[in-house]
Every structure is written in C-alpha cells, then in structure tokens.
C-alpha cells in the first residue's frame, strides 16, 4: 500500500510543473504554427581541391514556431533526408558515399543535430556533409 501511495504522490509532483507551464502558455496568449517543408543546403566540395566531388543535403523538417508577444521561438524536428548531389567521381567515392551517407542520415534522424560522430575513412565526406547540413538548418530555423 505504501508503494502505491508513494508512486501516486511522485506522479502528482512530476505532473504539476507541466500543468503550470501549460497554464502559463495559455495565459500568455502564445500561438504556435506548425509547418512541414524541405530545406536544401549549399553545394559543398568534398575534400581538398574538390578531390571527391560535390555533396548537397536536403532535409524535410517539421517546424513549430511559437509566438509569445513579439518574440518568436522556432523548434525543428528533422523528418527525412535526401541527397540532390552526391559525388561519383571515382569508384572509391561511390563506395565511401554508399557506406557513409546512410549511417550519417540514421544518426542525424536519431540525435536531431549535426553533431554526429565521424566515420573512419570518410572524413572528407563527413566534413562536407556537416557543412551542407548546417546551411539547411540555418534556413529551417528562420522564423516564418
């Protein structure tokens, strides 16, 4: 019986701050707008002197813009990733991209951040991928 009462008490205590936060948003007149759109990063050369060709990323983002008074806050969630430009300069480039890009995509969707771990043997691809991704994220985070 004590365990049940303790569990219920903890559940109530954990719920109260969420209810208070919700009440504050409702009182403040906060308005949210949810949109889903695609954003394309810049074309980035891969490797020194564009040794491995170009790479470009396109991300599908669910963007929630919350307006409180005159302030806008943008929260994004990455839903999908496409690659409009992938280098195929050499057999080695194609092989590296076939191995690295699915892993980078998977981790991006999991962590929702460009701060993903590098992949051994695909450092140039990883650096280019992060640069084009950051450009797409800058576009996505602009308030509408």
Protein backbone atom coordinates (compact mmCIF):
# COMPACT_ATOMS: atom_id res chain seq x y z
CA UNK A 1 0.00 0.00 0.00
CA UNK A 2 2.86 2.40 0.83
CA UNK A 3 4.42 1.80 -2.58
CA UNK A 4 1.17 2.69 -4.33
CA UNK A 5 0.71 5.90 -2.31
CA UNK A 6 4.35 6.88 -2.88
CA UNK A 7 4.08 6.21 -6.61
CA UNK A 8 0.91 8.32 -6.88
CA UNK A 9 2.49 11.15 -4.88
CA UNK A 10 5.55 11.17 -7.14
CA UNK A 11 3.34 11.15 -10.25
CA UNK A 12 1.40 14.17 -8.98
CA UNK A 13 4.57 16.07 -8.10
CA UNK A 14 6.04 15.43 -11.56
CA UNK A 15 2.82 16.47 -13.31
CA UNK A 16 2.32 19.80 -11.52
CA UNK A 17 5.21 21.70 -13.23
CA UNK A 18 3.94 20.57 -16.64
CA UNK A 19 0.44 21.76 -15.86
CA UNK A 20 1.82 25.09 -14.62
CA UNK A 21 3.88 25.52 -17.79
CA UNK A 22 0.86 24.76 -19.94
CA UNK A 23 -1.26 27.23 -17.96
CA UNK A 24 1.43 29.91 -18.41
CA UNK A 25 1.43 29.38 -22.18
CA UNK A 26 -2.36 29.58 -22.33
CA UNK A 27 -2.45 32.75 -20.18
CA UNK A 28 0.34 34.44 -22.13
CA UNK A 29 -1.54 34.10 -25.40
CA UNK A 30 1.19 32.02 -27.01
CA UNK A 31 0.41 30.96 -30.53
CA UNK A 32 2.02 28.04 -32.31
CA UNK A 33 2.26 27.39 -36.01
CA UNK A 34 3.40 24.01 -37.31
CA UNK A 35 4.68 23.63 -40.86
CA UNK A 36 6.46 20.88 -42.77
CA UNK A 37 8.87 21.88 -45.51
CA UNK A 38 12.04 20.87 -47.33
CA UNK A 39 15.25 22.89 -46.95
CA UNK A 40 18.30 22.47 -49.15
CA UNK A 41 21.85 23.13 -48.03
CA UNK A 42 24.51 24.66 -50.21
CA UNK A 43 26.59 22.53 -52.55
CA UNK A 44 29.86 21.80 -50.76
CA UNK A 45 33.09 20.49 -52.30
CA UNK A 46 34.29 17.26 -50.76
CA UNK A 47 37.97 17.04 -49.94
CA UNK A 48 40.88 19.35 -50.68
CA UNK A 49 40.59 20.98 -54.11
CA UNK A 50 37.22 19.20 -54.53
CA UNK A 51 39.07 15.88 -54.79
CA UNK A 52 35.94 13.78 -54.26
CA UNK A 53 33.31 15.98 -55.96
CA UNK A 54 30.32 17.85 -54.55
CA UNK A 55 27.80 16.99 -51.84
CA UNK A 56 24.45 18.57 -51.05
CA UNK A 57 21.79 17.66 -48.49
CA UNK A 58 18.05 18.32 -48.44
CA UNK A 59 16.13 17.89 -45.18
CA UNK A 60 12.42 17.60 -44.50
CA UNK A 61 11.64 19.49 -41.31
CA UNK A 62 8.63 19.86 -39.05
CA UNK A 63 8.94 23.43 -37.82
CA UNK A 64 6.98 24.72 -34.82
CA UNK A 65 7.04 28.49 -34.46
CA UNK A 66 5.74 29.69 -31.09
CA UNK A 67 4.96 33.37 -30.75
CA UNK A 68 4.70 34.97 -27.32
CA UNK A 69 4.08 38.71 -27.63
CA UNK A 70 6.62 39.84 -30.22
CA UNK A 71 9.12 37.04 -29.60
CA UNK A 72 9.24 34.01 -31.86
CA UNK A 73 10.82 30.71 -30.91
CA UNK A 74 11.44 28.06 -33.55
CA UNK A 75 11.72 24.35 -32.75
CA UNK A 76 12.51 21.90 -35.52
CA UNK A 77 12.39 18.16 -35.97
CA UNK A 78 14.16 16.55 -38.92
CA UNK A 79 11.85 14.02 -40.56
CA UNK A 80 13.72 12.90 -43.68
CA UNK A 81 16.96 13.39 -45.62
CA UNK A 82 17.70 13.38 -49.34
CA UNK A 83 20.86 13.99 -51.33
CA UNK A 84 20.31 16.04 -54.52
CA UNK A 85 24.06 15.99 -55.26
CA UNK A 86 26.32 13.06 -54.45
CA UNK A 87 29.74 12.75 -55.98
CA UNK A 88 30.51 9.80 -58.20
CA UNK A 89 33.95 10.93 -59.40
CA UNK A 90 35.56 7.58 -58.76
CA UNK A 91 34.69 4.05 -57.71
CA UNK A 92 36.17 4.84 -54.29
CA UNK A 93 33.96 7.94 -53.92
CA UNK A 94 30.82 5.98 -54.76
CA UNK A 95 31.82 3.23 -52.34
CA UNK A 96 32.52 5.63 -49.46
CA UNK A 97 29.25 7.52 -50.03
CA UNK A 98 27.23 4.30 -50.21
CA UNK A 99 28.64 3.30 -46.83
CA UNK A 100 28.81 6.66 -45.02
CA UNK A 101 25.70 8.58 -46.06
CA UNK A 102 23.13 6.06 -44.74
CA UNK A 103 24.98 5.96 -41.40
CA UNK A 104 25.14 9.75 -41.18
CA UNK A 105 21.46 10.01 -42.10
CA UNK A 106 20.43 7.45 -39.49
CA UNK A 107 22.37 9.18 -36.74
CA UNK A 108 21.07 12.62 -37.77
CA UNK A 109 17.47 11.42 -37.51
CA UNK A 110 18.24 9.91 -34.12
CA UNK A 111 20.11 12.81 -32.47
CA UNK A 112 18.39 15.66 -34.37
CA UNK A 113 21.68 17.59 -34.52
CA UNK A 114 24.58 17.99 -36.94
CA UNK A 115 26.88 16.88 -34.13
CA UNK A 116 27.22 13.28 -35.28
CA UNK A 117 30.35 11.18 -34.97
CA UNK A 118 32.74 10.99 -37.88
CA UNK A 119 33.14 7.79 -39.84
CA UNK A 120 36.62 6.39 -40.21
CA UNK A 121 37.69 6.53 -43.85
CA UNK A 122 35.02 9.07 -44.78
CA UNK A 123 36.33 12.19 -43.07
CA UNK A 124 36.09 14.45 -46.14
CA UNK A 125 32.53 13.29 -46.76
CA UNK A 126 31.64 13.87 -43.11
CA UNK A 127 33.07 17.42 -43.10
CA UNK A 128 31.21 18.32 -46.31
CA UNK A 129 28.03 16.69 -45.02
CA UNK A 130 28.14 18.76 -41.81
CA UNK A 131 28.68 22.00 -43.76
CA UNK A 132 25.79 21.47 -46.17
CA UNK A 133 23.56 20.27 -43.30
CA UNK A 134 24.31 23.38 -41.23
CA UNK A 135 23.33 25.59 -44.18
CA UNK A 136 20.00 23.77 -44.48
CA UNK A 137 19.40 24.04 -40.71
CA UNK A 138 20.04 27.80 -40.77
CA UNK A 139 17.26 28.14 -43.36
CA UNK A 140 14.95 25.88 -41.37
CA UNK A 141 15.42 27.78 -38.11
CA UNK A 142 14.41 31.15 -39.55
CA UNK A 143 11.07 32.27 -38.06
CA UNK A 144 8.21 32.49 -40.52
